[in-house]
C-alpha atoms as a PDB file:
ATOM      1  CA  MET A   1      -8.917  20.608  32.336  1.00  0.00           C
ATOM      2  CA  ASN A   2      -5.774  21.832  30.880  1.00  0.00           C
ATOM      3  CA  GLU A   3      -5.221  22.709  27.047  1.00  0.00           C
ATOM      4  CA  PHE A   4      -3.116  20.509  25.407  1.00  0.00           C
ATOM      5  CA  PRO A   5      -1.069  21.889  22.648  1.00  0.00           C
ATOM      6  CA  LYS A   6      -1.738  21.644  18.756  1.00  0.00           C
ATOM      7  CA  VAL A   7       1.704  22.095  18.216  1.00  0.00           C
ATOM      8  CA  ILE A   8       4.392  19.628  20.123  1.00  0.00           C
ATOM      9  CA  GLU A   9       8.136  19.576  19.351  1.00  0.00           C
ATOM     10  CA  ILE A  10       9.416  16.492  18.794  1.00  0.00           C
ATOM     11  CA  GLY A  11      13.141  16.241  18.565  1.00  0.00           C
ATOM     12  CA  LYS A  12      14.644  18.686  15.930  1.00  0.00           C
ATOM     13  CA  ARG A  13      11.164  18.731  14.516  1.00  0.00           C
ATOM     14  CA  LYS A  14       7.776  19.997  15.419  1.00  0.00           C
ATOM     15  CA  ILE A  15       4.217  18.304  14.859  1.00  0.00           C
ATOM     16  CA  GLY A  16       1.040  19.006  14.900  1.00  0.00           C
ATOM     17  CA  TYR A  17      -1.534  20.894  12.403  1.00  0.00           C
ATOM     18  CA  GLY A  18       0.309  22.069   9.454  1.00  0.00           C
ATOM     19  CA  TYR A  19       3.405  20.248  10.001  1.00  0.00           C
ATOM     20  CA  PRO A  20       4.554  17.125   8.146  1.00  0.00           C
ATOM     21  CA  THR A  21       2.806  13.581   9.526  1.00  0.00           C
ATOM     22  CA  TYR A  22       5.530  12.362  11.991  1.00  0.00           C
ATOM     23  CA  ILE A  23       5.826   8.751  11.007  1.00  0.00           C
ATOM     24  CA  ILE A  24       6.755   5.542  12.918  1.00  0.00           C
ATOM     25  CA  ALA A  25       8.405   2.900  11.725  1.00  0.00           C
ATOM     26  CA  GLU A  26       8.072   0.346  14.667  1.00  0.00           C
ATOM     27  CA  ILE A  27      10.795  -2.092  14.197  1.00  0.00           C
ATOM     28  CA  GLY A  28       9.914  -3.185  17.337  1.00  0.00           C
ATOM     29  CA  ALA A  29      11.030  -7.406  17.969  1.00  0.00           C
ATOM     30  CA  ASN A  30      11.787  -7.563  14.052  1.00  0.00           C
ATOM     31  CA  PHE A  31      15.895  -6.963  14.311  1.00  0.00           C
ATOM     32  CA  ASP A  32      15.681 -10.912  15.881  1.00  0.00           C
ATOM     33  CA  HIS A  33      18.343 -10.551  18.131  1.00  0.00           C
ATOM     34  CA  ASP A  34      20.803  -9.135  15.840  1.00  0.00           C
ATOM     35  CA  ILE A  35      22.428  -5.831  16.218  1.00  0.00           C
ATOM     36  CA  GLU A  36      23.796  -5.933  12.850  1.00  0.00           C
ATOM     37  CA  LYS A  37      20.249  -6.372  11.798  1.00  0.00           C
ATOM     38  CA  ALA A  38      18.809  -3.729  13.914  1.00  0.00           C
ATOM     39  CA  LYS A  39      20.433  -1.316  12.057  1.00  0.00           C
ATOM     40  CA  ARG A  40      20.006  -2.521   8.543  1.00  0.00           C
ATOM     41  CA  LEU A  41      16.665  -2.083  10.269  1.00  0.00           C
ATOM     42  CA  ILE A  42      17.090   1.276  10.661  1.00  0.00           C
ATOM     43  CA  ASP A  43      18.685   1.786   7.381  1.00  0.00           C
ATOM     44  CA  ALA A  44      15.755   0.989   5.739  1.00  0.00           C
ATOM     45  CA  ALA A  45      13.203   2.995   7.693  1.00  0.00           C
ATOM     46  CA  LYS A  46      15.443   6.325   6.935  1.00  0.00           C
ATOM     47  CA  ALA A  47      15.507   5.410   3.267  1.00  0.00           C
ATOM     48  CA  CYS A  48      11.739   4.956   2.853  1.00  0.00           C
ATOM     49  CA  GLY A  49      11.442   7.792   4.572  1.00  0.00           C
ATOM     50  CA  ALA A  50      10.316   7.446   7.836  1.00  0.00           C
ATOM     51  CA  ASP A  51      10.548  10.013  10.586  1.00  0.00           C
ATOM     52  CA  CYS A  52      11.753   7.487  13.833  1.00  0.00           C
ATOM     53  CA  ALA A  53      12.743   3.949  14.253  1.00  0.00           C
ATOM     54  CA  LYS A  54      11.336   2.884  17.411  1.00  0.00           C
ATOM     55  CA  PHE A  55      12.017  -0.257  19.197  1.00  0.00           C
ATOM     56  CA  GLN A  56      10.209  -1.985  22.478  1.00  0.00           C
ATOM     57  CA  SER A  57      12.452  -2.132  25.983  1.00  0.00           C
ATOM     58  CA  PHE A  58      10.903  -5.128  27.853  1.00  0.00           C
ATOM     59  CA  ILE A  59      12.276  -7.846  30.197  1.00  0.00           C
ATOM     60  CA  ALA A  60      10.511 -10.754  30.067  1.00  0.00           C
ATOM     61  CA  GLU A  61      10.158 -11.621  33.619  1.00  0.00           C
ATOM     62  CA  LYS A  62       8.561  -7.822  34.029  1.00  0.00           C
ATOM     63  CA  ILE A  63       6.137  -8.283  31.411  1.00  0.00           C
ATOM     64  CA  VAL A  64       4.610 -11.134  31.521  1.00  0.00           C
ATOM     65  CA  SER A  65       3.497 -13.921  34.065  1.00  0.00           C
ATOM     66  CA  GLU A  66       5.025 -17.449  32.664  1.00  0.00           C
ATOM     67  CA  LYS A  67       2.332 -19.155  35.139  1.00  0.00           C
ATOM     68  CA  GLY A  68      -0.412 -16.675  33.996  1.00  0.00           C
ATOM     69  CA  PHE A  69      -0.534 -17.134  30.426  1.00  0.00           C
ATOM     70  CA  ALA A  70       0.121 -21.414  30.784  1.00  0.00           C
ATOM     71  CA  SER A  71      -3.410 -21.111  32.685  1.00  0.00           C
ATOM     72  CA  MET A  72      -4.598 -19.829  29.273  1.00  0.00           C
ATOM     73  CA  ARG A  73      -6.134 -21.231  26.209  1.00  0.00           C
ATOM     74  CA  LEU A  74      -5.381 -18.360  24.065  1.00  0.00           C
ATOM     75  CA  LYS A  75      -7.068 -18.275  20.200  1.00  0.00           C
ATOM     76  CA  GLY A  76      -5.419 -14.902  19.276  1.00  0.00           C
ATOM     77  CA  VAL A  77      -1.913 -14.367  18.010  1.00  0.00           C
ATOM     78  CA  HIS A  78      -0.241 -15.170  20.989  1.00  0.00           C
ATOM     79  CA  GLY A  79      -2.054 -18.611  20.764  1.00  0.00           C
ATOM     80  CA  SER A  80      -0.714 -18.908  17.088  1.00  0.00           C
ATOM     81  CA  TRP A  81       2.899 -18.702  18.608  1.00  0.00           C
ATOM     82  CA  GLY A  82       3.159 -23.001  19.232  1.00  0.00           C
ATOM     83  CA  ARG A  83       5.587 -22.189  22.375  1.00  0.00           C
ATOM     84  CA  PRO A  84       4.804 -20.801  25.630  1.00  0.00           C
ATOM     85  CA  VAL A  85       4.748 -16.996  25.606  1.00  0.00           C
ATOM     86  CA  HIS A  86       7.490 -15.962  27.961  1.00  0.00           C
ATOM     87  CA  GLU A  87       9.904 -18.005  25.771  1.00  0.00           C
ATOM     88  CA  VAL A  88       9.049 -15.907  22.785  1.00  0.00           C
ATOM     89  CA  PHE A  89       8.920 -11.931  24.681  1.00  0.00           C
ATOM     90  CA  ARG A  90      12.347 -13.365  26.355  1.00  0.00           C
ATOM     91  CA  GLU A  91      13.769 -14.035  22.531  1.00  0.00           C
ATOM     92  CA  ALA A  92      11.937 -10.676  21.302  1.00  0.00           C
ATOM     93  CA  GLU A  93      13.926  -8.786  23.930  1.00  0.00           C
ATOM     94  CA  PHE A  94      15.770  -5.502  22.821  1.00  0.00           C
ATOM     95  CA  PRO A  95      19.371  -5.506  25.361  1.00  0.00           C
ATOM     96  CA  ARG A  96      19.816  -2.965  27.097  1.00  0.00           C
ATOM     97  CA  GLU A  97      23.418  -3.100  26.606  1.00  0.00           C
ATOM     98  CA  TRP A  98      22.721  -2.123  22.824  1.00  0.00           C
ATOM     99  CA  HIS A  99      20.559   0.945  23.820  1.00  0.00           C
ATOM    100  CA  ASN A 100      23.121   3.270  23.787  1.00  0.00           C
ATOM    101  CA  GLU A 101      24.788   2.194  20.667  1.00  0.00           C
ATOM    102  CA  ILE A 102      21.942   2.047  18.207  1.00  0.00           C
ATOM    103  CA  SER A 103      20.821   5.129  19.550  1.00  0.00           C
ATOM    104  CA  ASP A 104      23.804   6.397  18.776  1.00  0.00           C
ATOM    105  CA  TYR A 105      23.598   4.807  15.034  1.00  0.00           C
ATOM    106  CA  CYS A 106      20.301   6.805  14.638  1.00  0.00           C
ATOM    107  CA  LYS A 107      21.592   9.891  15.577  1.00  0.00           C
ATOM    108  CA  LYS A 108      24.307   9.386  12.952  1.00  0.00           C
ATOM    109  CA  ILE A 109      22.116   8.650  10.272  1.00  0.00           C
ATOM    110  CA  ASP A 110      19.813  11.316  11.046  1.00  0.00           C
ATOM    111  CA  ILE A 111      16.976   9.624  12.188  1.00  0.00           C
ATOM    112  CA  ASP A 112      14.576   9.857  15.310  1.00  0.00           C
ATOM    113  CA  PHE A 113      15.614   6.742  17.766  1.00  0.00           C
ATOM    114  CA  SER A 114      12.814   5.947  20.589  1.00  0.00           C
ATOM    115  CA  THR A 115      11.928   2.378  22.042  1.00  0.00           C
ATOM    116  CA  SER A 116       8.720   1.920  24.469  1.00  0.00           C
ATOM    117  CA  PRO A 117       9.867   1.542  28.130  1.00  0.00           C
ATOM    118  CA  TYR A 118       7.740  -1.668  29.486  1.00  0.00           C
ATOM    119  CA  ASP A 119       9.053  -0.889  33.416  1.00  0.00           C
ATOM    120  CA  PHE A 120      10.391   1.637  35.443  1.00  0.00           C
ATOM    121  CA  ASP A 121      14.259   0.974  34.967  1.00  0.00           C
ATOM    122  CA  ALA A 122      13.502   1.110  30.841  1.00  0.00           C
ATOM    123  CA  VAL A 123      11.817   4.545  31.211  1.00  0.00           C
ATOM    124  CA  ASP A 124      14.706   5.956  33.058  1.00  0.00           C
ATOM    125  CA  LEU A 125      17.100   4.125  30.019  1.00  0.00           C
ATOM    126  CA  CYS A 126      15.132   6.129  27.883  1.00  0.00           C
ATOM    127  CA  MET A 127      15.833   9.642  30.061  1.00  0.00           C
ATOM    128  CA  GLU A 128      19.459   8.768  29.777  1.00  0.00           C
ATOM    129  CA  LEU A 129      19.117   8.306  26.148  1.00  0.00           C
ATOM    130  CA  ASP A 130      17.323  11.571  25.447  1.00  0.00           C
ATOM    131  CA  VAL A 131      14.698  10.142  23.278  1.00  0.00           C
ATOM    132  CA  PRO A 132      12.328  12.565  21.674  1.00  0.00           C
ATOM    133  CA  TYR A 133       9.270  11.696  23.006  1.00  0.00           C
ATOM    134  CA  ILE A 134       7.936   7.922  24.834  1.00  0.00           C
ATOM    135  CA  LYS A 135       5.657   5.967  23.387  1.00  0.00           C
ATOM    136  CA  ILE A 136       2.961   4.262  25.548  1.00  0.00           C
ATOM    137  CA  GLY A 137       1.937   0.871  24.443  1.00  0.00           C
ATOM    138  CA  SER A 138      -2.147   0.095  24.451  1.00  0.00           C
ATOM    139  CA  GLY A 139      -1.486  -2.418  26.877  1.00  0.00           C
ATOM    140  CA  ASP A 140      -0.347  -0.333  29.543  1.00  0.00           C
ATOM    141  CA  ILE A 141      -3.435   2.591  29.303  1.00  0.00           C
ATOM    142  CA  THR A 142      -4.652   0.933  32.706  1.00  0.00           C
ATOM    143  CA  TRP A 143      -0.713   0.877  34.589  1.00  0.00           C
ATOM    144  CA  LEU A 144      -2.222   4.739  35.930  1.00  0.00           C
ATOM    145  CA  GLU A 145       1.352   4.452  38.196  1.00  0.00           C
ATOM    146  CA  MET A 146       3.591   3.706  34.891  1.00  0.00           C
ATOM    147  CA  LEU A 147       1.970   6.375  33.026  1.00  0.00           C
ATOM    148  CA  GLU A 148       2.394   8.816  36.114  1.00  0.00           C
ATOM    149  CA  TYR A 149       5.722   7.902  36.316  1.00  0.00           C
ATOM    150  CA  ILE A 150       6.664   8.487  32.388  1.00  0.00           C
ATOM    151  CA  ALA A 151       4.986  12.172  32.445  1.00  0.00           C
ATOM    152  CA  LYS A 152       6.621  12.987  35.656  1.00  0.00           C
ATOM    153  CA  LYS A 153       9.760  13.161  33.439  1.00  0.00           C
ATOM    154  CA  GLY A 154       8.334  15.918  30.949  1.00  0.00           C
ATOM    155  CA  LYS A 155       9.178  14.278  27.560  1.00  0.00           C
ATOM    156  CA  PRO A 156       6.222  14.022  25.131  1.00  0.00           C
ATOM    157  CA  MET A 157       4.077  11.260  24.925  1.00  0.00           C
ATOM    158  CA  ILE A 158       2.288   9.091  22.491  1.00  0.00           C
ATOM    159  CA  LEU A 159      -0.303   7.353  23.995  1.00  0.00           C
ATOM    160  CA  ALA A 160      -2.175   4.119  21.980  1.00  0.00           C
ATOM    161  CA  THR A 161      -5.556   3.161  23.040  1.00  0.00           C
ATOM    162  CA  GLY A 162      -6.144  -0.293  21.678  1.00  0.00           C
ATOM    163  CA  ASP A 163      -8.931  -2.265  23.209  1.00  0.00           C
ATOM    164  CA  ALA A 164      -9.535   0.441  25.848  1.00  0.00           C
ATOM    165  CA  THR A 165     -12.990   2.053  27.004  1.00  0.00           C
ATOM    166  CA  MET A 166     -13.635   5.919  26.383  1.00  0.00           C
ATOM    167  CA  SER A 167     -13.929   5.746  30.185  1.00  0.00           C
ATOM    168  CA  GLU A 168     -10.059   4.267  30.946  1.00  0.00           C
ATOM    169  CA  ILE A 169      -8.611   6.702  27.799  1.00  0.00           C
ATOM    170  CA  ASP A 170     -10.454   9.709  29.619  1.00  0.00           C
ATOM    171  CA  GLU A 171      -8.784   8.298  32.943  1.00  0.00           C
ATOM    172  CA  ALA A 172      -5.084   7.693  32.054  1.00  0.00           C
ATOM    173  CA  ILE A 173      -5.171  11.369  30.271  1.00  0.00           C
ATOM    174  CA  ARG A 174      -5.992  12.985  33.432  1.00  0.00           C
ATOM    175  CA  THR A 175      -3.955  10.770  34.934  1.00  0.00           C
ATOM    176  CA  ILE A 176      -1.008  12.350  32.801  1.00  0.00           C
ATOM    177  CA  GLU A 177      -2.571  16.037  32.924  1.00  0.00           C
ATOM    178  CA  ALA A 178      -2.191  16.008  36.778  1.00  0.00           C
ATOM    179  CA  THR A 179       1.513  15.455  36.126  1.00  0.00           C
ATOM    180  CA  GLY A 180       1.578  19.150  34.393  1.00  0.00           C
ATOM    181  CA  ASN A 181       2.490  17.517  31.334  1.00  0.00           C
ATOM    182  CA  ASN A 182       0.677  18.480  28.485  1.00  0.00           C
ATOM    183  CA  GLN A 183       2.540  17.245  25.497  1.00  0.00           C
ATOM    184  CA  LEU A 184       0.511  14.181  24.574  1.00  0.00           C
ATOM    185  CA  VAL A 185      -1.029  12.576  21.363  1.00  0.00           C
ATOM    186  CA  LEU A 186      -3.200  10.315  21.185  1.00  0.00           C
ATOM    187  CA  LEU A 187      -3.389   6.969  19.003  1.00  0.00           C
ATOM    188  CA  GLN A 188      -6.342   5.396  18.009  1.00  0.00           C
ATOM    189  CA  CYS A 189      -5.427   1.555  17.967  1.00  0.00           C
ATOM    190  CA  ILE A 190      -6.754  -1.915  17.286  1.00  0.00           C
ATOM    191  CA  THR A 191      -5.024  -4.358  19.561  1.00  0.00           C
ATOM    192  CA  ASN A 192      -5.043  -7.418  16.889  1.00  0.00           C
ATOM    193  CA  TYR A 193      -2.091  -8.733  14.296  1.00  0.00           C
ATOM    194  CA  PRO A 194      -3.175  -8.373  11.852  1.00  0.00           C
ATOM    195  CA  SER A 195      -6.510  -5.548  13.028  1.00  0.00           C
ATOM    196  CA  LYS A 196      -9.049  -5.765  10.361  1.00  0.00           C
ATOM    197  CA  ILE A 197      -9.643  -3.075   8.211  1.00  0.00           C
ATOM    198  CA  GLU A 198     -13.421  -3.087   9.151  1.00  0.00           C
ATOM    199  CA  SER A 199     -12.609  -2.567  12.673  1.00  0.00           C
ATOM    200  CA  ALA A 200     -10.219   0.295  11.925  1.00  0.00           C
ATOM    201  CA  ASN A 201     -12.848   3.229  13.249  1.00  0.00           C
ATOM    202  CA  ILE A 202     -10.662   6.029  11.869  1.00  0.00           C
ATOM    203  CA  ASN A 203     -13.959   7.983  12.877  1.00  0.00           C
ATOM    204  CA  VAL A 204     -12.442   7.388  16.841  1.00  0.00           C
ATOM    205  CA  LEU A 205      -9.955  10.009  15.971  1.00  0.00           C
ATOM    206  CA  LYS A 206     -12.772  12.557  15.396  1.00  0.00           C
ATOM    207  CA  THR A 207     -14.026  11.941  18.954  1.00  0.00           C
ATOM    208  CA  TYR A 208     -10.870  12.260  20.295  1.00  0.00           C
ATOM    209  CA  GLN A 209     -10.521  15.783  19.071  1.00  0.00           C
ATOM    210  CA  THR A 210     -13.704  16.422  20.060  1.00  0.00           C
ATOM    211  CA  ALA A 211     -13.682  14.865  23.666  1.00  0.00           C
ATOM    212  CA  PHE A 212     -10.218  15.500  24.285  1.00  0.00           C
ATOM    213  CA  ASN A 213      -9.698  18.549  22.087  1.00  0.00           C
ATOM    214  CA  ILE A 214      -5.729  16.471  21.376  1.00  0.00           C
ATOM    215  CA  LEU A 215      -3.575  16.117  18.905  1.00  0.00           C
ATOM    216  CA  THR A 216      -4.239  12.406  17.282  1.00  0.00           C
ATOM    217  CA  GLY A 217      -3.232   9.684  15.106  1.00  0.00           C
ATOM    218  CA  TYR A 218      -2.988   6.213  14.277  1.00  0.00           C
ATOM    219  CA  SER A 219      -0.924   2.978  15.326  1.00  0.00           C
ATOM    220  CA  ASP A 220      -2.011   0.967  12.803  1.00  0.00           C
ATOM    221  CA  HIS A 221      -1.583  -3.360  12.465  1.00  0.00           C
ATOM    222  CA  SER A 222      -4.054  -3.414   9.365  1.00  0.00           C
ATOM    223  CA  PRO A 223      -2.627  -4.507   6.251  1.00  0.00           C
ATOM    224  CA  GLY A 224      -2.027  -1.588   3.668  1.00  0.00           C
ATOM    225  CA  SER A 225      -1.867   2.264   3.693  1.00  0.00           C
ATOM    226  CA  VAL A 226      -5.937   2.685   3.743  1.00  0.00           C
ATOM    227  CA  VAL A 227      -5.946   3.286   7.439  1.00  0.00           C
ATOM    228  CA  ALA A 228      -3.021   5.561   7.640  1.00  0.00           C
ATOM    229  CA  LEU A 229      -4.082   7.510   5.061  1.00  0.00           C
ATOM    230  CA  GLY A 230      -7.850   8.093   5.976  1.00  0.00           C
ATOM    231  CA  SER A 231      -6.108   9.344   9.631  1.00  0.00           C
ATOM    232  CA  ILE A 232      -4.440  11.767   8.043  1.00  0.00           C
ATOM    233  CA  ALA A 233      -7.575  12.954   6.002  1.00  0.00           C
ATOM    234  CA  LEU A 234      -9.328  13.192   9.841  1.00  0.00           C
ATOM    235  CA  GLY A 235      -6.328  15.527  11.096  1.00  0.00           C
ATOM    236  CA  GLY A 236      -3.929  12.214  12.451  1.00  0.00           C
ATOM    237  CA  ILE A 237      -0.659  13.811  12.721  1.00  0.00           C
ATOM    238  CA  VAL A 238       1.204  10.521  13.570  1.00  0.00           C
ATOM    239  CA  ILE A 239       1.343   7.389  11.877  1.00  0.00           C
ATOM    240  CA  GLU A 240       3.133   3.912  13.515  1.00  0.00           C
ATOM    241  CA  LYS A 241       3.046   1.000  11.086  1.00  0.00           C
ATOM    242  CA  HIS A 242       5.394  -2.478  12.036  1.00  0.00           C
ATOM    243  CA  PHE A 243       8.052  -2.704   9.700  1.00  0.00           C
ATOM    244  CA  THR A 244      10.494  -5.852   8.436  1.00  0.00           C
ATOM    245  CA  LEU A 245      12.709  -6.343   6.195  1.00  0.00           C
ATOM    246  CA  ASP A 246      10.997  -9.700   5.413  1.00  0.00           C
ATOM    247  CA  LYS A 247       7.642 -10.460   6.103  1.00  0.00           C
ATOM    248  CA  ASN A 248       9.052 -14.539   5.633  1.00  0.00           C
ATOM    249  CA  ASP A 249      11.600 -14.014   8.839  1.00  0.00           C
ATOM    250  CA  ASP A 250      11.518 -15.645  11.939  1.00  0.00           C
ATOM    251  CA  GLY A 251       9.770 -14.024  14.930  1.00  0.00           C
ATOM    252  CA  PRO A 252       6.042 -12.706  16.144  1.00  0.00           C
ATOM    253  CA  ASP A 253       5.806  -9.486  14.302  1.00  0.00           C
ATOM    254  CA  HIS A 254       7.492 -10.303  10.823  1.00  0.00           C
ATOM    255  CA  PRO A 255       3.932 -11.507   9.103  1.00  0.00           C
ATOM    256  CA  HIS A 256       1.677  -8.739  10.117  1.00  0.00           C
ATOM    257  CA  SER A 257       4.414  -5.752   9.502  1.00  0.00           C
ATOM    258  CA  MET A 258       5.304  -3.560   6.634  1.00  0.00           C
ATOM    259  CA  ASP A 259       8.206  -4.614   4.401  1.00  0.00           C
ATOM    260  CA  VAL A 260      10.152  -1.780   2.564  1.00  0.00           C
ATOM    261  CA  ASN A 261       8.537  -1.529  -0.236  1.00  0.00           C
ATOM    262  CA  GLU A 262       5.236  -1.218   1.293  1.00  0.00           C
ATOM    263  CA  PHE A 263       6.515   1.164   3.765  1.00  0.00           C
ATOM    264  CA  LYS A 264       7.925   3.064   1.176  1.00  0.00           C
ATOM    265  CA  ARG A 265       4.391   3.439  -0.998  1.00  0.00           C
ATOM    266  CA  MET A 266       2.988   4.358   2.160  1.00  0.00           C
ATOM    267  CA  VAL A 267       5.150   7.440   2.823  1.00  0.00           C
ATOM    268  CA  ASP A 268       5.259   8.307  -0.613  1.00  0.00           C
ATOM    269  CA  TYR A 269       1.109   8.185  -0.399  1.00  0.00           C
ATOM    270  CA  ILE A 270       1.310  10.454   2.926  1.00  0.00           C
ATOM    271  CA  ARG A 271       3.483  12.960   1.710  1.00  0.00           C
ATOM    272  CA  GLU A 272       0.917  13.246  -1.745  1.00  0.00           C
ATOM    273  CA  LEU A 273      -1.683  13.207   0.596  1.00  0.00           C
ATOM    274  CA  GLU A 274      -0.458  16.455   2.769  1.00  0.00           C
ATOM    275  CA  SER A 275      -0.116  18.018  -0.609  1.00  0.00           C
ATOM    276  CA  ALA A 276      -3.123  17.653  -1.857  1.00  0.00           C
ATOM    277  CA  MET A 277      -4.850  18.458   1.427  1.00  0.00           C
ATOM    278  CA  GLY A 278      -3.648  21.830   1.320  1.00  0.00           C
ATOM    279  CA  SER A 279      -5.485  24.740   2.596  1.00  0.00           C
ATOM    280  CA  SER A 280      -8.976  24.652   4.268  1.00  0.00           C
ATOM    281  CA  ARG A 281      -9.653  28.113   2.380  1.00  0.00           C
ATOM    282  CA  LYS A 282     -11.558  28.041  -0.899  1.00  0.00           C
ATOM    283  CA  VAL A 283     -10.074  29.896  -3.790  1.00  0.00           C
ATOM    284  CA  VAL A 284      -9.517  29.909  -7.659  1.00  0.00           C
ATOM    285  CA  VAL A 285      -5.762  28.474  -7.880  1.00  0.00           C
ATOM    286  CA  GLU A 286      -3.842  29.436 -10.777  1.00  0.00           C
ATOM    287  CA  GLU A 287      -4.410  26.193 -12.890  1.00  0.00           C
ATOM    288  CA  GLU A 288      -7.991  26.888 -12.917  1.00  0.00           C
ATOM    289  CA  ALA A 289      -7.188  30.851 -14.443  1.00  0.00           C
ATOM    290  CA  GLU A 290      -8.568  29.525 -18.039  1.00  0.00           C
ATOM    291  CA  THR A 291     -10.795  27.030 -17.086  1.00  0.00           C
ATOM    292  CA  VAL A 292     -13.013  29.380 -14.806  1.00  0.00           C
ATOM    293  CA  ILE A 293     -13.603  31.402 -18.211  1.00  0.00           C
ATOM    294  CA  VAL A 294     -13.848  28.569 -20.590  1.00  0.00           C
ATOM    295  CA  GLN A 295     -16.179  26.619 -18.681  1.00  0.00           C
ATOM    296  CA  ARG A 296     -18.757  29.169 -17.644  1.00  0.00           C
ATOM    297  CA  ARG A 297     -21.299  30.610 -19.851  1.00  0.00           C
ATOM    298  CA  CYS A 298     -22.308  34.474 -20.372  1.00  0.00           C
ATOM    299  CA  LEU A 299     -25.053  36.317 -21.959  1.00  0.00           C
ATOM    300  CA  TYR A 300     -24.249  35.947 -26.173  1.00  0.00           C
ATOM    301  CA  SER A 301     -26.715  37.492 -28.450  1.00  0.00           C
ATOM    302  CA  THR A 302     -28.713  35.474 -30.611  1.00  0.00           C
ATOM    303  CA  ARG A 303     -28.922  37.317 -33.564  1.00  0.00           C
ATOM    304  CA  PHE A 304     -27.734  41.348 -34.502  1.00  0.00           C
ATOM    305  CA  ILE A 305     -29.164  43.713 -32.241  1.00  0.00           C
ATOM    306  CA  PRO A 306     -29.363  46.959 -33.552  1.00  0.00           C
ATOM    307  CA  LYS A 307     -28.431  50.551 -31.437  1.00  0.00           C
ATOM    308  CA  GLY A 308     -31.215  51.610 -29.898  1.00  0.00           C
ATOM    309  CA  LYS A 309     -33.443  48.527 -29.550  1.00  0.00           C
ATOM    310  CA  VAL A 310     -34.741  47.261 -26.228  1.00  0.00           C
ATOM    311  CA  ILE A 311     -33.009  44.394 -25.352  1.00  0.00           C
ATOM    312  CA  GLU A 312     -35.722  41.091 -25.296  1.00  0.00           C
ATOM    313  CA  LYS A 313     -35.396  37.792 -23.699  1.00  0.00           C
ATOM    314  CA  ASP A 314     -35.047  36.103 -27.136  1.00  0.00           C
ATOM    315  CA  ASP A 315     -32.136  38.069 -27.938  1.00  0.00           C
ATOM    316  CA  LEU A 316     -29.758  36.045 -25.246  1.00  0.00           C
ATOM    317  CA  VAL A 317     -28.696  32.778 -24.612  1.00  0.00           C
ATOM    318  CA  GLU A 318     -26.524  31.402 -21.772  1.00  0.00           C
ATOM    319  CA  LEU A 319     -23.010  30.332 -23.730  1.00  0.00           C
ATOM    320  CA  ARG A 320     -19.419  29.714 -22.828  1.00  0.00           C
ATOM    321  CA  PRO A 321     -16.776  30.632 -22.793  1.00  0.00           C
ATOM    322  CA  ALA A 322     -17.850  33.529 -20.070  1.00  0.00           C
ATOM    323  CA  LEU A 323     -16.425  36.803 -21.714  1.00  0.00           C
ATOM    324  CA  GLY A 324     -19.440  38.850 -21.181  1.00  0.00           C
ATOM    325  CA  ILE A 325     -22.101  39.880 -18.453  1.00  0.00           C
ATOM    326  CA  LEU A 326     -22.918  36.900 -16.480  1.00  0.00           C
ATOM    327  CA  PRO A 327     -26.320  34.765 -16.761  1.00  0.00           C
ATOM    328  CA  LYS A 328     -27.295  35.865 -13.156  1.00  0.00           C
ATOM    329  CA  TYR A 329     -27.421  39.252 -15.035  1.00  0.00           C
ATOM    330  CA  LYS A 330     -30.135  38.618 -17.493  1.00  0.00           C
ATOM    331  CA  LYS A 331     -33.406  39.783 -15.882  1.00  0.00           C
ATOM    332  CA  VAL A 332     -31.108  42.917 -15.469  1.00  0.00           C
ATOM    333  CA  ILE A 333     -30.399  43.387 -19.110  1.00  0.00           C
ATOM    334  CA  ILE A 334     -33.619  42.318 -20.543  1.00  0.00           C
ATOM    335  CA  GLY A 335     -35.878  46.014 -21.100  1.00  0.00           C
ATOM    336  CA  ARG A 336     -32.658  47.810 -21.464  1.00  0.00           C
ATOM    337  CA  ILE A 337     -31.187  50.073 -24.575  1.00  0.00           C
ATOM    338  CA  ALA A 338     -28.631  48.884 -26.725  1.00  0.00           C
ATOM    339  CA  SER A 339     -26.086  51.220 -26.470  1.00  0.00           C
ATOM    340  CA  LYS A 340     -24.544  50.512 -30.059  1.00  0.00           C
ATOM    341  CA  ASP A 341     -25.065  47.691 -32.996  1.00  0.00           C
ATOM    342  CA  ILE A 342     -24.661  44.430 -31.333  1.00  0.00           C
ATOM    343  CA  GLU A 343     -23.338  41.201 -34.000  1.00  0.00           C
ATOM    344  CA  ALA A 344     -24.926  37.776 -33.380  1.00  0.00           C
ATOM    345  CA  ASP A 345     -22.941  35.658 -31.356  1.00  0.00           C
ATOM    346  CA  THR A 346     -21.339  38.367 -29.034  1.00  0.00           C
ATOM    347  CA  PRO A 347     -21.183  37.978 -25.938  1.00  0.00           C
ATOM    348  CA  LEU A 348     -22.640  41.244 -23.536  1.00  0.00           C
ATOM    349  CA  GLN A 349     -20.510  43.724 -22.173  1.00  0.00           C
ATOM    350  CA  TRP A 350     -22.070  46.557 -19.543  1.00  0.00           C
ATOM    351  CA  THR A 351     -20.637  48.827 -22.502  1.00  0.00           C
ATOM    352  CA  ASP A 352     -23.814  47.299 -24.510  1.00  0.00           C
ATOM    353  CA  VAL A 353     -26.452  48.528 -22.486  1.00  0.00           C
END
């Protein structure tokens, strides 16, 4: 097994331990087949502090079987649409002819553009557009031919692992690794829309980190920021959340997406958390310089101690602030002779004994 790097270059920036969390605004189908709305979403994602505006590149006939879905009695989100799945996917397509214009627009306002490819031609288009990374959705984790095809392109890869077993994840990683491409980030994900907080299993990130020694993150479909923040606290370095201008808009993804205010709040929380995470080294920080004295105790004299007197236990008491000998030296001080007069309620110094 090759060693996976702990820092990866994504476009003009580095991601990994010690670097800011890479935040992806998953626009997906939320542009509602309107290229100007797509641009407004990109503008809003940039204003919220997202690092990347991401789309999905699929053609309905290449991703879903009309007959296959018609034969199912769907209970999940696909069954809630009230019409054939292939129709919804067709309406949600990100037109191939728009890709260049949207990619250029992202460059213009200085936000990364990427898109998840769901067929081989879409992968080739990603390469033509020189996306900074390629994200593979959870649904394709067992399509090993596609994983290999993407990996051989040499781009950094972000792999979501929703509804996958450890053996399937291991097989996917080995497939990618066999191509020589080790620029991989593994995302925990619960593939439901929305997913439940209690199903998040953020601790899986620790499992991935231990089992694969790999960079991790979270592709989150749950409400709010809790899962994203918990992931970062456990070492996650990439966060992906669906993004919309209005949760009430028509379209399959709007209801479980974050709106502008929610996304901005999450980004602010993430940056604040990063600041709070700080260093793993335990030190007395500058703002503790005074409290380290005022909240600690030292040995004080309980009464006047004349020069030449043997210091007894009852001559001493432990009080704040710590302006003298620390309490741990009390047994050392007892039995010593006072080298000078010591007034009552005075912190003892080593020069006093």
